[in-house]
């Protein structure tokens, strides 16, 4: 495996674990990409350049996408209110709704209704 593939794999693995740790409350807030780079023992620029080269997207794209996928799952499979889900993800509820709509094109409430909940 090339080093760039290894870094990319480590980033995705770290990201999934980190988002889950925030959801479970084991970690109080999301790390910045530069902090993740430090945990992976690479510079922020090297991590960003490597992820972009390997995937065509910035690391933040995958970070945001991981958060949205987990939020969608919670909206469909839990009885938490949108505000509670926002707080679990360390967002102010109105900012979470804006972020969710920017990423998906619909509000969390509309997504939940469309999923039959």
PDB file of N, CA and C in Angstrom:
ATOM      1  N   UNK A   1       0.844  -1.181   0.000  1.00  0.00           N
ATOM      2  CA  UNK A   1       0.000   0.000   0.000  1.00  0.00           C
ATOM      3  C   UNK A   1       0.889   1.244   0.000  1.00  0.00           C
ATOM      4  N   UNK A   2       0.573   2.168  -0.873  1.00  0.00           N
ATOM      5  CA  UNK A   2       1.313   3.423  -0.921  1.00  0.00           C
ATOM      6  C   UNK A   2       1.056   4.227   0.358  1.00  0.00           C
ATOM      7  N   UNK A   3       2.004   5.076   0.711  1.00  0.00           N
ATOM      8  CA  UNK A   3       1.861   5.904   1.928  1.00  0.00           C
ATOM      9  C   UNK A   3       0.616   6.790   1.839  1.00  0.00           C
ATOM     10  N   UNK A   4       0.333   7.329   0.649  1.00  0.00           N
ATOM     11  CA  UNK A   4      -0.838   8.198   0.510  1.00  0.00           C
ATOM     12  C   UNK A   4      -2.136   7.418   0.751  1.00  0.00           C
ATOM     13  N   UNK A   5      -2.164   6.163   0.322  1.00  0.00           N
ATOM     14  CA  UNK A   5      -3.342   5.317   0.574  1.00  0.00           C
ATOM     15  C   UNK A   5      -3.465   5.003   2.061  1.00  0.00           C
ATOM     16  N   UNK A   6      -2.329   4.791   2.697  1.00  0.00           N
ATOM     17  CA  UNK A   6      -2.308   4.500   4.130  1.00  0.00           C
ATOM     18  C   UNK A   6      -2.835   5.705   4.933  1.00  0.00           C
ATOM     19  N   UNK A   7      -2.372   6.895   4.576  1.00  0.00           N
ATOM     20  CA  UNK A   7      -2.830   8.109   5.259  1.00  0.00           C
ATOM     21  C   UNK A   7      -4.332   8.284   5.060  1.00  0.00           C
ATOM     22  N   UNK A   8      -4.802   8.067   3.842  1.00  0.00           N
ATOM     23  CA  UNK A   8      -6.230   8.193   3.546  1.00  0.00           C
ATOM     24  C   UNK A   8      -7.035   7.196   4.359  1.00  0.00           C
ATOM     25  N   UNK A   9      -6.582   5.969   4.412  1.00  0.00           N
ATOM     26  CA  UNK A   9      -7.265   4.934   5.195  1.00  0.00           C
ATOM     27  C   UNK A   9      -7.280   5.316   6.682  1.00  0.00           C
ATOM     28  N   UNK A  10      -6.144   5.792   7.186  1.00  0.00           N
ATOM     29  CA  UNK A  10      -6.064   6.199   8.595  1.00  0.00           C
ATOM     30  C   UNK A  10      -7.023   7.356   8.878  1.00  0.00           C
ATOM     31  N   UNK A  11      -7.117   8.294   7.945  1.00  0.00           N
ATOM     32  CA  UNK A  11      -8.007   9.436   8.128  1.00  0.00           C
ATOM     33  C   UNK A  11      -9.462   8.976   8.227  1.00  0.00           C
ATOM     34  N   UNK A  12      -9.886   8.122   7.292  1.00  0.00           N
ATOM     35  CA  UNK A  12     -11.274   7.656   7.318  1.00  0.00           C
ATOM     36  C   UNK A  12     -11.571   6.836   8.568  1.00  0.00           C
ATOM     37  N   UNK A  13     -10.639   6.037   8.972  1.00  0.00           N
ATOM     38  CA  UNK A  13     -10.804   5.233  10.175  1.00  0.00           C
ATOM     39  C   UNK A  13     -10.900   6.139  11.410  1.00  0.00           C
ATOM     40  N   UNK A  14      -9.999   7.100  11.503  1.00  0.00           N
ATOM     41  CA  UNK A  14     -10.014   8.036  12.624  1.00  0.00           C
ATOM     42  C   UNK A  14     -11.322   8.815  12.640  1.00  0.00           C
ATOM     43  N   UNK A  15     -11.753   9.260  11.472  1.00  0.00           N
ATOM     44  CA  UNK A  15     -12.963  10.072  11.353  1.00  0.00           C
ATOM     45  C   UNK A  15     -14.195   9.328  11.856  1.00  0.00           C
ATOM     46  N   UNK A  16     -14.384   8.105  11.398  1.00  0.00           N
ATOM     47  CA  UNK A  16     -15.532   7.304  11.844  1.00  0.00           C
ATOM     48  C   UNK A  16     -15.520   7.136  13.361  1.00  0.00           C
ATOM     49  N   UNK A  17     -14.367   6.801  13.900  1.00  0.00           N
ATOM     50  CA  UNK A  17     -14.218   6.600  15.342  1.00  0.00           C
ATOM     51  C   UNK A  17     -14.465   7.897  16.102  1.00  0.00           C
ATOM     52  N   UNK A  18     -13.900   8.988  15.617  1.00  0.00           N
ATOM     53  CA  UNK A  18     -14.021  10.271  16.302  1.00  0.00           C
ATOM     54  C   UNK A  18     -15.479  10.754  16.333  1.00  0.00           C
ATOM     55  N   UNK A  19     -16.172  10.677  15.208  1.00  0.00           N
ATOM     56  CA  UNK A  19     -17.574  11.109  15.166  1.00  0.00           C
ATOM     57  C   UNK A  19     -18.404  10.263  16.131  1.00  0.00           C
ATOM     58  N   UNK A  20     -18.123   8.966  16.167  1.00  0.00           N
ATOM     59  CA  UNK A  20     -18.853   8.089  17.087  1.00  0.00           C
ATOM     60  C   UNK A  20     -18.557   8.459  18.546  1.00  0.00           C
ATOM     61  N   UNK A  21     -17.313   8.834  18.836  1.00  0.00           N
ATOM     62  CA  UNK A  21     -16.950   9.241  20.195  1.00  0.00           C
ATOM     63  C   UNK A  21     -17.692  10.509  20.612  1.00  0.00           C
ATOM     64  N   UNK A  22     -17.879  11.436  19.687  1.00  0.00           N
ATOM     65  CA  UNK A  22     -18.640  12.657  19.989  1.00  0.00           C
ATOM     66  C   UNK A  22     -20.093  12.298  20.265  1.00  0.00           C
ATOM     67  N   UNK A  23     -20.675  11.459  19.415  1.00  0.00           N
ATOM     68  CA  UNK A  23     -22.074  11.047  19.579  1.00  0.00           C
ATOM     69  C   UNK A  23     -22.286  10.360  20.927  1.00  0.00           C
ATOM     70  N   UNK A  24     -21.363   9.492  21.293  1.00  0.00           N
ATOM     71  CA  UNK A  24     -21.505   8.743  22.542  1.00  0.00           C
ATOM     72  C   UNK A  24     -21.169   9.579  23.773  1.00  0.00           C
ATOM     73  N   UNK A  25     -20.610  10.769  23.563  1.00  0.00           N
ATOM     74  CA  UNK A  25     -20.266  11.637  24.678  1.00  0.00           C
ATOM     75  C   UNK A  25     -18.889  11.377  25.258  1.00  0.00           C
ATOM     76  N   UNK A  26     -18.129  10.464  24.661  1.00  0.00           N
ATOM     77  CA  UNK A  26     -16.774  10.181  25.134  1.00  0.00           C
ATOM     78  C   UNK A  26     -15.827  11.348  24.864  1.00  0.00           C
ATOM     79  N   UNK A  27     -16.141  12.139  23.834  1.00  0.00           N
ATOM     80  CA  UNK A  27     -15.375  13.322  23.477  1.00  0.00           C
ATOM     81  C   UNK A  27     -16.361  14.478  23.433  1.00  0.00           C
ATOM     82  N   UNK A  28     -15.982  15.628  23.983  1.00  0.00           N
ATOM     83  CA  UNK A  28     -16.944  16.723  24.144  1.00  0.00           C
ATOM     84  C   UNK A  28     -17.156  17.581  22.904  1.00  0.00           C
ATOM     85  N   UNK A  29     -16.220  17.559  21.959  1.00  0.00           N
ATOM     86  CA  UNK A  29     -16.390  18.368  20.755  1.00  0.00           C
ATOM     87  C   UNK A  29     -15.594  17.797  19.595  1.00  0.00           C
ATOM     88  N   UNK A  30     -15.980  18.221  18.400  1.00  0.00           N
ATOM     89  CA  UNK A  30     -15.284  17.761  17.199  1.00  0.00           C
ATOM     90  C   UNK A  30     -13.915  18.410  17.097  1.00  0.00           C
ATOM     91  N   UNK A  31     -12.961  17.634  16.644  1.00  0.00           N
ATOM     92  CA  UNK A  31     -11.609  18.140  16.424  1.00  0.00           C
ATOM     93  C   UNK A  31     -11.564  18.880  15.095  1.00  0.00           C
ATOM     94  N   UNK A  32     -10.625  19.795  14.983  1.00  0.00           N
ATOM     95  CA  UNK A  32     -10.348  20.455  13.709  1.00  0.00           C
ATOM     96  C   UNK A  32      -9.503  19.497  12.860  1.00  0.00           C
ATOM     97  N   UNK A  33      -9.529  19.699  11.538  1.00  0.00           N
ATOM     98  CA  UNK A  33      -8.751  18.836  10.651  1.00  0.00           C
ATOM     99  C   UNK A  33      -7.267  18.911  10.994  1.00  0.00           C
ATOM    100  N   UNK A  34      -6.773  20.085  11.378  1.00  0.00           N
ATOM    101  CA  UNK A  34      -5.351  20.175  11.734  1.00  0.00           C
ATOM    102  C   UNK A  34      -5.024  19.352  12.981  1.00  0.00           C
ATOM    103  N   UNK A  35      -5.986  19.236  13.904  1.00  0.00           N
ATOM    104  CA  UNK A  35      -5.774  18.398  15.090  1.00  0.00           C
ATOM    105  C   UNK A  35      -5.754  16.914  14.706  1.00  0.00           C
ATOM    106  N   UNK A  36      -6.625  16.551  13.790  1.00  0.00           N
ATOM    107  CA  UNK A  36      -6.643  15.161  13.302  1.00  0.00           C
ATOM    108  C   UNK A  36      -5.316  14.853  12.618  1.00  0.00           C
ATOM    109  N   UNK A  37      -4.831  15.774  11.816  1.00  0.00           N
ATOM    110  CA  UNK A  37      -3.535  15.585  11.153  1.00  0.00           C
ATOM    111  C   UNK A  37      -2.444  15.311  12.191  1.00  0.00           C
ATOM    112  N   UNK A  38      -2.457  16.083  13.266  1.00  0.00           N
ATOM    113  CA  UNK A  38      -1.483  15.869  14.332  1.00  0.00           C
ATOM    114  C   UNK A  38      -1.583  14.484  14.935  1.00  0.00           C
ATOM    115  N   UNK A  39      -2.806  14.011  15.143  1.00  0.00           N
ATOM    116  CA  UNK A  39      -3.009  12.655  15.688  1.00  0.00           C
ATOM    117  C   UNK A  39      -2.489  11.590  14.727  1.00  0.00           C
ATOM    118  N   UNK A  40      -2.527  11.902  13.417  1.00  0.00           N
ATOM    119  CA  UNK A  40      -2.041  10.956  12.410  1.00  0.00           C
ATOM    120  C   UNK A  40      -0.563  11.161  12.095  1.00  0.00           C
ATOM    121  N   UNK A  41       0.067  12.087  12.815  1.00  0.00           N
ATOM    122  CA  UNK A  41       1.501  12.370  12.684  1.00  0.00           C
ATOM    123  C   UNK A  41       1.882  12.867  11.287  1.00  0.00           C
ATOM    124  N   UNK A  42       1.006  13.699  10.714  1.00  0.00           N
ATOM    125  CA  UNK A  42       1.311  14.370   9.445  1.00  0.00           C
ATOM    126  C   UNK A  42       0.909  15.836   9.597  1.00  0.00           C
ATOM    127  N   UNK A  43       1.427  16.680   8.718  1.00  0.00           N
ATOM    128  CA  UNK A  43       1.048  18.089   8.770  1.00  0.00           C
ATOM    129  C   UNK A  43      -0.362  18.265   8.196  1.00  0.00           C
ATOM    130  N   UNK A  44      -0.980  19.359   8.565  1.00  0.00           N
ATOM    131  CA  UNK A  44      -2.310  19.679   8.050  1.00  0.00           C
ATOM    132  C   UNK A  44      -2.283  19.741   6.518  1.00  0.00           C
ATOM    133  N   UNK A  45      -1.282  20.419   5.969  1.00  0.00           N
ATOM    134  CA  UNK A  45      -1.157  20.549   4.513  1.00  0.00           C
ATOM    135  C   UNK A  45      -0.969  19.188   3.859  1.00  0.00           C
ATOM    136  N   UNK A  46      -0.135  18.358   4.442  1.00  0.00           N
ATOM    137  CA  UNK A  46       0.108  17.031   3.855  1.00  0.00           C
ATOM    138  C   UNK A  46      -1.170  16.187   3.889  1.00  0.00           C
ATOM    139  N   UNK A  47      -1.879  16.234   4.994  1.00  0.00           N
ATOM    140  CA  UNK A  47      -3.136  15.484   5.082  1.00  0.00           C
ATOM    141  C   UNK A  47      -4.119  15.983   4.025  1.00  0.00           C
ATOM    142  N   UNK A  48      -4.300  17.287   3.952  1.00  0.00           N
ATOM    143  CA  UNK A  48      -5.234  17.859   2.987  1.00  0.00           C
ATOM    144  C   UNK A  48      -4.838  17.515   1.557  1.00  0.00           C
ATOM    145  N   UNK A  49      -3.569  17.702   1.222  1.00  0.00           N
ATOM    146  CA  UNK A  49      -3.091  17.395  -0.130  1.00  0.00           C
ATOM    147  C   UNK A  49      -3.257  15.913  -0.461  1.00  0.00           C
ATOM    148  N   UNK A  50      -2.970  15.053   0.505  1.00  0.00           N
ATOM    149  CA  UNK A  50      -3.063  13.610   0.283  1.00  0.00           C
ATOM    150  C   UNK A  50      -4.506  13.174   0.061  1.00  0.00           C
ATOM    151  N   UNK A  51      -5.409  13.647   0.915  1.00  0.00           N
ATOM    152  CA  UNK A  51      -6.822  13.268   0.778  1.00  0.00           C
ATOM    153  C   UNK A  51      -7.368  13.778  -0.548  1.00  0.00           C
ATOM    154  N   UNK A  52      -7.029  15.010  -0.896  1.00  0.00           N
ATOM    155  CA  UNK A  52      -7.484  15.569  -2.176  1.00  0.00           C
ATOM    156  C   UNK A  52      -6.954  14.755  -3.353  1.00  0.00           C
ATOM    157  N   UNK A  53      -5.678  14.377  -3.282  1.00  0.00           N
ATOM    158  CA  UNK A  53      -5.061  13.607  -4.364  1.00  0.00           C
ATOM    159  C   UNK A  53      -5.712  12.229  -4.491  1.00  0.00           C
ATOM    160  N   UNK A  54      -5.963  11.590  -3.375  1.00  0.00           N
ATOM    161  CA  UNK A  54      -6.512  10.226  -3.386  1.00  0.00           C
ATOM    162  C   UNK A  54      -8.008  10.174  -3.703  1.00  0.00           C
ATOM    163  N   UNK A  55      -8.751  11.216  -3.326  1.00  0.00           N
ATOM    164  CA  UNK A  55     -10.216  11.145  -3.445  1.00  0.00           C
ATOM    165  C   UNK A  55     -10.826  12.216  -4.350  1.00  0.00           C
ATOM    166  N   UNK A  56     -10.078  13.302  -4.583  1.00  0.00           N
ATOM    167  CA  UNK A  56     -10.620  14.417  -5.344  1.00  0.00           C
ATOM    168  C   UNK A  56     -11.408  15.396  -4.492  1.00  0.00           C
ATOM    169  N   UNK A  57     -11.498  15.136  -3.187  1.00  0.00           N
ATOM    170  CA  UNK A  57     -12.255  15.995  -2.273  1.00  0.00           C
ATOM    171  C   UNK A  57     -11.384  16.414  -1.090  1.00  0.00           C
ATOM    172  N   UNK A  58     -11.747  17.551  -0.502  1.00  0.00           N
ATOM    173  CA  UNK A  58     -11.080  18.054   0.697  1.00  0.00           C
ATOM    174  C   UNK A  58     -11.483  17.178   1.888  1.00  0.00           C
ATOM    175  N   UNK A  59     -10.610  17.021   2.880  1.00  0.00           N
ATOM    176  CA  UNK A  59     -10.969  16.224   4.064  1.00  0.00           C
ATOM    177  C   UNK A  59     -12.259  16.670   4.745  1.00  0.00           C
ATOM    178  N   UNK A  60     -12.542  17.970   4.729  1.00  0.00           N
ATOM    179  CA  UNK A  60     -13.769  18.480   5.362  1.00  0.00           C
ATOM    180  C   UNK A  60     -15.029  17.915   4.710  1.00  0.00           C
ATOM    181  N   UNK A  61     -14.964  17.636   3.428  1.00  0.00           N
ATOM    182  CA  UNK A  61     -16.111  17.056   2.727  1.00  0.00           C
ATOM    183  C   UNK A  61     -16.501  15.738   3.394  1.00  0.00           C
ATOM    184  N   UNK A  62     -15.517  14.907   3.678  1.00  0.00           N
ATOM    185  CA  UNK A  62     -15.783  13.595   4.282  1.00  0.00           C
ATOM    186  C   UNK A  62     -16.174  13.728   5.749  1.00  0.00           C
ATOM    187  N   UNK A  63     -15.596  14.694   6.426  1.00  0.00           N
ATOM    188  CA  UNK A  63     -15.921  14.974   7.822  1.00  0.00           C
ATOM    189  C   UNK A  63     -17.401  15.360   7.919  1.00  0.00           C
ATOM    190  N   UNK A  64     -17.794  16.358   7.124  1.00  0.00           N
ATOM    191  CA  UNK A  64     -19.190  16.796   7.118  1.00  0.00           C
ATOM    192  C   UNK A  64     -20.127  15.669   6.711  1.00  0.00           C
ATOM    193  N   UNK A  65     -19.722  14.904   5.719  1.00  0.00           N
ATOM    194  CA  UNK A  65     -20.560  13.799   5.244  1.00  0.00           C
ATOM    195  C   UNK A  65     -20.756  12.738   6.320  1.00  0.00           C
ATOM    196  N   UNK A  66     -19.724  12.443   7.067  1.00  0.00           N
ATOM    197  CA  UNK A  66     -19.829  11.454   8.156  1.00  0.00           C
ATOM    198  C   UNK A  66     -20.823  11.947   9.213  1.00  0.00           C
ATOM    199  N   UNK A  67     -20.747  13.230   9.544  1.00  0.00           N
ATOM    200  CA  UNK A  67     -21.677  13.811  10.514  1.00  0.00           C
ATOM    201  C   UNK A  67     -23.105  13.728   9.988  1.00  0.00           C
ATOM    202  N   UNK A  68     -23.299  14.079   8.724  1.00  0.00           N
ATOM    203  CA  UNK A  68     -24.645  14.049   8.131  1.00  0.00           C
ATOM    204  C   UNK A  68     -25.192  12.629   8.097  1.00  0.00           C
ATOM    205  N   UNK A  69     -24.377  11.659   7.732  1.00  0.00           N
ATOM    206  CA  UNK A  69     -24.856  10.269   7.677  1.00  0.00           C
ATOM    207  C   UNK A  69     -25.298   9.790   9.059  1.00  0.00           C
ATOM    208  N   UNK A  70     -24.519  10.113  10.074  1.00  0.00           N
ATOM    209  CA  UNK A  70     -24.883   9.724  11.443  1.00  0.00           C
ATOM    210  C   UNK A  70     -26.144  10.463  11.899  1.00  0.00           C
ATOM    211  N   UNK A  71     -26.252  11.733  11.538  1.00  0.00           N
ATOM    212  CA  UNK A  71     -27.436  12.509  11.903  1.00  0.00           C
ATOM    213  C   UNK A  71     -28.679  11.951  11.212  1.00  0.00           C
ATOM    214  N   UNK A  72     -28.564  11.602   9.947  1.00  0.00           N
ATOM    215  CA  UNK A  72     -29.698  11.003   9.224  1.00  0.00           C
ATOM    216  C   UNK A  72     -30.150   9.719   9.911  1.00  0.00           C
ATOM    217  N   UNK A  73     -29.191   8.916  10.296  1.00  0.00           N
ATOM    218  CA  UNK A  73     -29.503   7.658  10.987  1.00  0.00           C
ATOM    219  C   UNK A  73     -30.275   7.946  12.283  1.00  0.00           C
ATOM    220  N   UNK A  74     -29.822   8.927  13.034  1.00  0.00           N
ATOM    221  CA  UNK A  74     -30.502   9.272  14.291  1.00  0.00           C
ATOM    222  C   UNK A  74     -31.895   9.833  14.038  1.00  0.00           C
ATOM    223  N   UNK A  75     -32.044  10.618  12.978  1.00  0.00           N
ATOM    224  CA  UNK A  75     -33.352  11.190  12.660  1.00  0.00           C
ATOM    225  C   UNK A  75     -34.366  10.103  12.322  1.00  0.00           C
ATOM    226  N   UNK A  76     -33.908   9.063  11.666  1.00  0.00           N
ATOM    227  CA  UNK A  76     -34.798   7.971  11.247  1.00  0.00           C
ATOM    228  C   UNK A  76     -34.999   6.950  12.368  1.00  0.00           C
ATOM    229  N   UNK A  77     -33.945   6.626  13.093  1.00  0.00           N
ATOM    230  CA  UNK A  77     -33.972   5.489  14.018  1.00  0.00           C
ATOM    231  C   UNK A  77     -34.049   5.847  15.501  1.00  0.00           C
ATOM    232  N   UNK A  78     -34.274   7.121  15.828  1.00  0.00           N
ATOM    233  CA  UNK A  78     -34.382   7.463  17.243  1.00  0.00           C
ATOM    234  C   UNK A  78     -35.597   8.366  17.454  1.00  0.00           C
ATOM    235  N   UNK A  79     -35.941   8.529  18.697  1.00  0.00           N
ATOM    236  CA  UNK A  79     -37.039   9.421  19.060  1.00  0.00           C
ATOM    237  C   UNK A  79     -36.531  10.765  19.566  1.00  0.00           C
ATOM    238  N   UNK A  80     -35.233  11.022  19.415  1.00  0.00           N
ATOM    239  CA  UNK A  80     -34.675  12.312  19.808  1.00  0.00           C
ATOM    240  C   UNK A  80     -35.278  13.412  18.948  1.00  0.00           C
ATOM    241  N   UNK A  81     -35.516  14.562  19.561  1.00  0.00           N
ATOM    242  CA  UNK A  81     -35.952  15.723  18.783  1.00  0.00           C
ATOM    243  C   UNK A  81     -34.770  16.219  17.951  1.00  0.00           C
ATOM    244  N   UNK A  82     -35.066  17.047  16.963  1.00  0.00           N
ATOM    245  CA  UNK A  82     -33.995  17.630  16.155  1.00  0.00           C
ATOM    246  C   UNK A  82     -33.047  18.429  17.042  1.00  0.00           C
ATOM    247  N   UNK A  83     -33.598  19.159  18.003  1.00  0.00           N
ATOM    248  CA  UNK A  83     -32.757  19.946  18.919  1.00  0.00           C
ATOM    249  C   UNK A  83     -31.843  19.038  19.741  1.00  0.00           C
ATOM    250  N   UNK A  84     -32.363  17.908  20.205  1.00  0.00           N
ATOM    251  CA  UNK A  84     -31.523  16.966  20.974  1.00  0.00           C
ATOM    252  C   UNK A  84     -30.417  16.387  20.102  1.00  0.00           C
ATOM    253  N   UNK A  85     -30.751  16.049  18.871  1.00  0.00           N
ATOM    254  CA  UNK A  85     -29.738  15.517  17.945  1.00  0.00           C
ATOM    255  C   UNK A  85     -28.677  16.589  17.693  1.00  0.00           C
ATOM    256  N   UNK A  86     -29.107  17.819  17.501  1.00  0.00           N
ATOM    257  CA  UNK A  86     -28.153  18.919  17.295  1.00  0.00           C
ATOM    258  C   UNK A  86     -27.185  18.998  18.468  1.00  0.00           C
ATOM    259  N   UNK A  87     -27.711  18.923  19.680  1.00  0.00           N
ATOM    260  CA  UNK A  87     -26.852  19.012  20.861  1.00  0.00           C
ATOM    261  C   UNK A  87     -25.901  17.814  20.967  1.00  0.00           C
ATOM    262  N   UNK A  88     -26.375  16.630  20.607  1.00  0.00           N
ATOM    263  CA  UNK A  88     -25.506  15.443  20.604  1.00  0.00           C
ATOM    264  C   UNK A  88     -24.315  15.680  19.683  1.00  0.00           C
ATOM    265  N   UNK A  89     -24.578  16.352  18.561  1.00  0.00           N
ATOM    266  CA  UNK A  89     -23.518  16.640  17.599  1.00  0.00           C
ATOM    267  C   UNK A  89     -22.806  17.963  17.901  1.00  0.00           C
ATOM    268  N   UNK A  90     -23.019  18.483  19.083  1.00  0.00           N
ATOM    269  CA  UNK A  90     -22.379  19.696  19.609  1.00  0.00           C
ATOM    270  C   UNK A  90     -22.730  20.955  18.809  1.00  0.00           C
ATOM    271  N   UNK A  91     -23.894  20.976  18.207  1.00  0.00           N
ATOM    272  CA  UNK A  91     -24.352  22.141  17.451  1.00  0.00           C
ATOM    273  C   UNK A  91     -25.450  22.870  18.209  1.00  0.00           C
ATOM    274  N   UNK A  92     -25.535  24.166  18.010  1.00  0.00           N
ATOM    275  CA  UNK A  92     -26.713  24.920  18.369  1.00  0.00           C
ATOM    276  C   UNK A  92     -27.806  24.437  17.402  1.00  0.00           C
ATOM    277  N   UNK A  93     -29.051  24.222  17.859  1.00  0.00           N
ATOM    278  CA  UNK A  93     -30.088  23.676  16.974  1.00  0.00           C
ATOM    279  C   UNK A  93     -30.295  24.445  15.661  1.00  0.00           C
ATOM    280  N   UNK A  94     -30.270  25.769  15.687  1.00  0.00           N
ATOM    281  CA  UNK A  94     -30.489  26.497  14.433  1.00  0.00           C
ATOM    282  C   UNK A  94     -29.298  26.333  13.483  1.00  0.00           C
ATOM    283  N   UNK A  95     -28.092  26.312  14.036  1.00  0.00           N
ATOM    284  CA  UNK A  95     -26.915  26.091  13.188  1.00  0.00           C
ATOM    285  C   UNK A  95     -26.906  24.682  12.615  1.00  0.00           C
ATOM    286  N   UNK A  96     -27.348  23.719  13.404  1.00  0.00           N
ATOM    287  CA  UNK A  96     -27.416  22.347  12.909  1.00  0.00           C
ATOM    288  C   UNK A  96     -28.394  22.252  11.741  1.00  0.00           C
ATOM    289  N   UNK A  97     -29.552  22.885  11.882  1.00  0.00           N
ATOM    290  CA  UNK A  97     -30.545  22.850  10.805  1.00  0.00           C
ATOM    291  C   UNK A  97     -30.006  23.495   9.538  1.00  0.00           C
ATOM    292  N   UNK A  98     -29.290  24.601   9.683  1.00  0.00           N
ATOM    293  CA  UNK A  98     -28.683  25.260   8.514  1.00  0.00           C
ATOM    294  C   UNK A  98     -27.630  24.361   7.871  1.00  0.00           C
ATOM    295  N   UNK A  99     -26.773  23.772   8.692  1.00  0.00           N
ATOM    296  CA  UNK A  99     -25.742  22.858   8.197  1.00  0.00           C
ATOM    297  C   UNK A  99     -26.376  21.666   7.484  1.00  0.00           C
ATOM    298  N   UNK A 100     -27.385  21.070   8.092  1.00  0.00           N
ATOM    299  CA  UNK A 100     -28.048  19.910   7.512  1.00  0.00           C
ATOM    300  C   UNK A 100     -28.675  20.278   6.169  1.00  0.00           C
ATOM    301  N   UNK A 101     -29.349  21.422   6.119  1.00  0.00           N
ATOM    302  CA  UNK A 101     -30.005  21.844   4.874  1.00  0.00           C
ATOM    303  C   UNK A 101     -28.967  22.148   3.792  1.00  0.00           C
ATOM    304  N   UNK A 102     -27.876  22.785   4.172  1.00  0.00           N
ATOM    305  CA  UNK A 102     -26.804  23.085   3.208  1.00  0.00           C
ATOM    306  C   UNK A 102     -26.250  21.796   2.606  1.00  0.00           C
ATOM    307  N   UNK A 103     -26.108  20.778   3.440  1.00  0.00           N
ATOM    308  CA  UNK A 103     -25.514  19.518   2.986  1.00  0.00           C
ATOM    309  C   UNK A 103     -26.496  18.610   2.231  1.00  0.00           C
ATOM    310  N   UNK A 104     -27.788  18.682   2.582  1.00  0.00           N
ATOM    311  CA  UNK A 104     -28.747  17.726   2.024  1.00  0.00           C
ATOM    312  C   UNK A 104     -29.830  18.359   1.156  1.00  0.00           C
ATOM    313  N   UNK A 105     -30.012  19.659   1.295  1.00  0.00           N
ATOM    314  CA  UNK A 105     -31.073  20.326   0.552  1.00  0.00           C
ATOM    315  C   UNK A 105     -32.412  20.345   1.267  1.00  0.00           C
ATOM    316  N   UNK A 106     -32.475  19.760   2.445  1.00  0.00           N
ATOM    317  CA  UNK A 106     -33.718  19.780   3.228  1.00  0.00           C
ATOM    318  C   UNK A 106     -33.400  19.914   4.705  1.00  0.00           C
ATOM    319  N   UNK A 107     -34.387  20.375   5.454  1.00  0.00           N
ATOM    320  CA  UNK A 107     -34.192  20.527   6.890  1.00  0.00           C
ATOM    321  C   UNK A 107     -34.223  19.154   7.555  1.00  0.00           C
ATOM    322  N   UNK A 108     -33.688  19.050   8.771  1.00  0.00           N
ATOM    323  CA  UNK A 108     -33.761  17.764   9.480  1.00  0.00           C
ATOM    324  C   UNK A 108     -35.210  17.299   9.667  1.00  0.00           C
ATOM    325  N   UNK A 109     -36.102  18.230   9.978  1.00  0.00           N
ATOM    326  CA  UNK A 109     -37.507  17.866  10.160  1.00  0.00           C
ATOM    327  C   UNK A 109     -38.132  17.343   8.875  1.00  0.00           C
ATOM    328  N   UNK A 110     -37.838  17.992   7.754  1.00  0.00           N
ATOM    329  CA  UNK A 110     -38.364  17.532   6.465  1.00  0.00           C
ATOM    330  C   UNK A 110     -37.783  16.162   6.107  1.00  0.00           C
ATOM    331  N   UNK A 111     -36.497  15.976   6.393  1.00  0.00           N
ATOM    332  CA  UNK A 111     -35.889  14.670   6.128  1.00  0.00           C
ATOM    333  C   UNK A 111     -36.574  13.588   6.939  1.00  0.00           C
ATOM    334  N   UNK A 112     -36.817  13.870   8.207  1.00  0.00           N
ATOM    335  CA  UNK A 112     -37.475  12.895   9.079  1.00  0.00           C
ATOM    336  C   UNK A 112     -38.881  12.569   8.561  1.00  0.00           C
ATOM    337  N   UNK A 113     -39.640  13.587   8.183  1.00  0.00           N
ATOM    338  CA  UNK A 113     -40.996  13.363   7.657  1.00  0.00           C
ATOM    339  C   UNK A 113     -40.960  12.541   6.373  1.00  0.00           C
ATOM    340  N   UNK A 114     -40.020  12.855   5.484  1.00  0.00           N
ATOM    341  CA  UNK A 114     -39.910  12.141   4.209  1.00  0.00           C
ATOM    342  C   UNK A 114     -39.519  10.672   4.414  1.00  0.00           C
ATOM    343  N   UNK A 115     -38.872  10.388   5.533  1.00  0.00           N
ATOM    344  CA  UNK A 115     -38.471   9.007   5.809  1.00  0.00           C
ATOM    345  C   UNK A 115     -39.583   8.208   6.477  1.00  0.00           C
ATOM    346  N   UNK A 116     -40.719   8.857   6.659  1.00  0.00           N
ATOM    347  CA  UNK A 116     -41.870   8.143   7.224  1.00  0.00           C
ATOM    348  C   UNK A 116     -41.980   8.205   8.726  1.00  0.00           C
ATOM    349  N   UNK A 117     -41.237   9.108   9.356  1.00  0.00           N
ATOM    350  CA  UNK A 117     -41.275   9.231  10.817  1.00  0.00           C
ATOM    351  C   UNK A 117     -42.111  10.389  11.233  1.00  0.00           C
TER     352      UNK A 117
END
